[in-house]
Amino acid sequence: QVHLVETGGGLVQPGGSLRLSCKASGINFRLHDVNWYRQAPGKERELVASTKSGGGTDYADPVKGRFTISRDNVYRIAYLEMNNLKPEDTAVYYCNVKRQGVPFWGRGTQVTVSS
């Protein structure tokens, strides 16, 4: 059973930073792409960043230059370092992997950017 647990969310002022973590179990982590999504109230879930099994990364345009995704294949953790946070980054952030085409999600962690 694939299990993903996100941690690290919280309340931060505009311009601040947070580091999210996604701890995975039940999956051969190093063989899979890991994605961070977010969903703001009243909006659809959107892809924020991806770390590929082969080592590459992708970012959505709104977060390029501010967010950094990374992974530790030994401890099976994916990270999302978020800097220069803006109020529009407020959302629930979810970790996602696919195994044999089936998507798995964590429960999410709330990020609120407000003064």
C-alpha atoms as a PDB file:
ATOM      1  CA  GLN A   1       0.000   0.000   0.000  1.00  0.00           C
ATOM      2  CA  VAL A   2       1.452   3.342  -1.069  1.00  0.00           C
ATOM      3  CA  HIS A   3       1.360   5.916   1.715  1.00  0.00           C
ATOM      4  CA  LEU A   4       2.347   9.584   1.398  1.00  0.00           C
ATOM      5  CA  VAL A   5       2.545  12.003   4.319  1.00  0.00           C
ATOM      6  CA  GLU A   6       3.057  15.731   3.802  1.00  0.00           C
ATOM      7  CA  THR A   7       4.377  17.967   6.564  1.00  0.00           C
ATOM      8  CA  GLY A   8       5.783  21.456   6.918  1.00  0.00           C
ATOM      9  CA  GLY A   9       2.854  23.706   6.130  1.00  0.00           C
ATOM     10  CA  GLY A  10       1.847  26.674   8.223  1.00  0.00           C
ATOM     11  CA  LEU A  11       1.140  30.379   8.368  1.00  0.00           C
ATOM     12  CA  VAL A  12       3.814  32.670   6.953  1.00  0.00           C
ATOM     13  CA  GLN A  13       3.993  36.343   6.044  1.00  0.00           C
ATOM     14  CA  PRO A  14       4.428  37.464   2.431  1.00  0.00           C
ATOM     15  CA  GLY A  15       8.072  37.167   1.451  1.00  0.00           C
ATOM     16  CA  GLY A  16       8.627  34.352   3.909  1.00  0.00           C
ATOM     17  CA  SER A  17       9.738  30.771   3.358  1.00  0.00           C
ATOM     18  CA  LEU A  18       8.540  27.274   4.125  1.00  0.00           C
ATOM     19  CA  ARG A  19       9.903  23.817   3.433  1.00  0.00           C
ATOM     20  CA  LEU A  20       7.420  21.026   2.767  1.00  0.00           C
ATOM     21  CA  SER A  21       8.289  17.343   3.079  1.00  0.00           C
ATOM     22  CA  CYS A  22       6.622  14.278   1.592  1.00  0.00           C
ATOM     23  CA  LYS A  23       7.523  10.968   3.200  1.00  0.00           C
ATOM     24  CA  ALA A  24       6.678   7.930   1.073  1.00  0.00           C
ATOM     25  CA  SER A  25       6.278   4.263   1.952  1.00  0.00           C
ATOM     26  CA  GLY A  26       5.084   1.193   0.087  1.00  0.00           C
ATOM     27  CA  ILE A  27       6.758   2.205  -3.157  1.00  0.00           C
ATOM     28  CA  ASN A  28      10.163   1.859  -4.801  1.00  0.00           C
ATOM     29  CA  PHE A  29      10.624   5.600  -4.466  1.00  0.00           C
ATOM     30  CA  ARG A  30      13.698   6.058  -6.638  1.00  0.00           C
ATOM     31  CA  LEU A  31      11.922   4.619  -9.680  1.00  0.00           C
ATOM     32  CA  HIS A  32       9.046   7.115  -9.690  1.00  0.00           C
ATOM     33  CA  ASP A  33       8.466  10.747 -10.473  1.00  0.00           C
ATOM     34  CA  VAL A  34       7.170  12.685  -7.478  1.00  0.00           C
ATOM     35  CA  ASN A  35       4.914  15.688  -7.884  1.00  0.00           C
ATOM     36  CA  TRP A  36       3.706  18.513  -5.701  1.00  0.00           C
ATOM     37  CA  TYR A  37       0.235  19.857  -6.416  1.00  0.00           C
ATOM     38  CA  ARG A  38      -1.765  22.569  -4.698  1.00  0.00           C
ATOM     39  CA  GLN A  39      -5.412  23.446  -4.442  1.00  0.00           C
ATOM     40  CA  ALA A  40      -6.674  26.834  -3.374  1.00  0.00           C
ATOM     41  CA  PRO A  41     -10.272  27.358  -2.179  1.00  0.00           C
ATOM     42  CA  GLY A  42     -12.666  27.350  -5.114  1.00  0.00           C
ATOM     43  CA  LYS A  43      -9.956  26.427  -7.596  1.00  0.00           C
ATOM     44  CA  GLU A  44      -8.863  23.250  -9.326  1.00  0.00           C
ATOM     45  CA  ARG A  45      -5.853  21.305  -8.146  1.00  0.00           C
ATOM     46  CA  GLU A  46      -2.779  22.386 -10.080  1.00  0.00           C
ATOM     47  CA  LEU A  47       0.671  20.916 -10.615  1.00  0.00           C
ATOM     48  CA  VAL A  48       3.368  22.971  -8.923  1.00  0.00           C
ATOM     49  CA  ALA A  49       6.590  21.015  -9.378  1.00  0.00           C
ATOM     50  CA  SER A  50       7.917  17.590 -10.329  1.00  0.00           C
ATOM     51  CA  THR A  51      11.091  15.686  -9.598  1.00  0.00           C
ATOM     52  CA  LYS A  52      11.803  12.960 -12.105  1.00  0.00           C
ATOM     53  CA  SER A  53      13.173   9.534 -11.315  1.00  0.00           C
ATOM     54  CA  GLY A  54      15.986  10.297 -13.729  1.00  0.00           C
ATOM     55  CA  GLY A  55      16.920  13.476 -11.890  1.00  0.00           C
ATOM     56  CA  GLY A  56      15.253  16.307 -13.797  1.00  0.00           C
ATOM     57  CA  THR A  57      12.785  18.821 -12.416  1.00  0.00           C
ATOM     58  CA  ASP A  58       9.867  20.846 -13.774  1.00  0.00           C
ATOM     59  CA  TYR A  59       8.070  23.858 -12.359  1.00  0.00           C
ATOM     60  CA  ALA A  60       4.852  25.663 -13.046  1.00  0.00           C
ATOM     61  CA  ASP A  61       5.415  29.193 -14.307  1.00  0.00           C
ATOM     62  CA  PRO A  62       3.981  30.948 -11.209  1.00  0.00           C
ATOM     63  CA  VAL A  63       6.600  29.343  -8.941  1.00  0.00           C
ATOM     64  CA  LYS A  64       9.686  29.343 -11.157  1.00  0.00           C
ATOM     65  CA  GLY A  65      12.605  31.004  -9.440  1.00  0.00           C
ATOM     66  CA  ARG A  66      10.897  30.855  -6.033  1.00  0.00           C
ATOM     67  CA  PHE A  67      10.276  27.135  -5.379  1.00  0.00           C
ATOM     68  CA  THR A  68      12.799  24.300  -5.466  1.00  0.00           C
ATOM     69  CA  ILE A  69      11.867  20.620  -5.521  1.00  0.00           C
ATOM     70  CA  SER A  70      14.314  17.948  -4.432  1.00  0.00           C
ATOM     71  CA  ARG A  71      14.333  14.337  -3.328  1.00  0.00           C
ATOM     72  CA  ASP A  72      16.206  11.941  -1.058  1.00  0.00           C
ATOM     73  CA  ASN A  73      15.885   8.458  -2.495  1.00  0.00           C
ATOM     74  CA  VAL A  74      17.539   6.840   0.530  1.00  0.00           C
ATOM     75  CA  TYR A  75      14.983   8.150   3.002  1.00  0.00           C
ATOM     76  CA  ARG A  76      12.178   8.287   0.403  1.00  0.00           C
ATOM     77  CA  ILE A  77      11.378  11.943   0.986  1.00  0.00           C
ATOM     78  CA  ALA A  78      10.556  14.677  -1.501  1.00  0.00           C
ATOM     79  CA  TYR A  79      10.953  18.317  -0.506  1.00  0.00           C
ATOM     80  CA  LEU A  80       9.483  21.563  -1.730  1.00  0.00           C
ATOM     81  CA  GLU A  81      11.451  24.617  -0.664  1.00  0.00           C
ATOM     82  CA  MET A  82       9.265  27.698  -1.070  1.00  0.00           C
ATOM     83  CA  ASN A  83      10.776  31.167  -0.918  1.00  0.00           C
ATOM     84  CA  ASN A  84       9.405  34.667  -1.425  1.00  0.00           C
ATOM     85  CA  LEU A  85       5.913  33.369  -0.732  1.00  0.00           C
ATOM     86  CA  LYS A  86       2.946  35.371  -1.951  1.00  0.00           C
ATOM     87  CA  PRO A  87      -0.672  35.421  -0.781  1.00  0.00           C
ATOM     88  CA  GLU A  88      -1.643  33.647  -4.009  1.00  0.00           C
ATOM     89  CA  ASP A  89       0.463  30.667  -2.910  1.00  0.00           C
ATOM     90  CA  THR A  90      -2.097  29.995  -0.189  1.00  0.00           C
ATOM     91  CA  ALA A  91      -3.440  26.475  -0.756  1.00  0.00           C
ATOM     92  CA  VAL A  92      -3.399  22.906   0.447  1.00  0.00           C
ATOM     93  CA  TYR A  93      -0.269  21.274  -0.950  1.00  0.00           C
ATOM     94  CA  TYR A  94      -0.378  17.611  -1.927  1.00  0.00           C
ATOM     95  CA  CYS A  95       2.272  15.059  -2.767  1.00  0.00           C
ATOM     96  CA  ASN A  96       1.570  12.676  -5.633  1.00  0.00           C
ATOM     97  CA  VAL A  97       3.121   9.616  -7.222  1.00  0.00           C
ATOM     98  CA  LYS A  98       1.899   7.182  -9.843  1.00  0.00           C
ATOM     99  CA  ARG A  99       2.489   3.455  -9.717  1.00  0.00           C
ATOM    100  CA  GLN A 100       1.505   1.417 -12.742  1.00  0.00           C
ATOM    101  CA  GLY A 101      -0.601   4.346 -13.878  1.00  0.00           C
ATOM    102  CA  VAL A 102      -2.533   4.613 -10.624  1.00  0.00           C
ATOM    103  CA  PRO A 103      -2.186   7.967  -8.806  1.00  0.00           C
ATOM    104  CA  PHE A 104      -1.624   8.100  -5.062  1.00  0.00           C
ATOM    105  CA  TRP A 105      -2.086  11.195  -2.918  1.00  0.00           C
ATOM    106  CA  GLY A 106      -1.261  12.307   0.564  1.00  0.00           C
ATOM    107  CA  ARG A 107      -3.768  14.158   2.746  1.00  0.00           C
ATOM    108  CA  GLY A 108      -2.077  17.481   2.117  1.00  0.00           C
ATOM    109  CA  THR A 109      -0.606  20.252   4.224  1.00  0.00           C
ATOM    110  CA  GLN A 110      -2.071  23.748   4.487  1.00  0.00           C
ATOM    111  CA  VAL A 111       0.063  26.725   3.491  1.00  0.00           C
ATOM    112  CA  THR A 112      -1.314  30.164   4.319  1.00  0.00           C
ATOM    113  CA  VAL A 113       0.498  33.319   3.266  1.00  0.00           C
ATOM    114  CA  SER A 114      -0.916  36.339   5.012  1.00  0.00           C
ATOM    115  CA  SER A 115       0.162  39.410   6.927  1.00  0.00           C
END
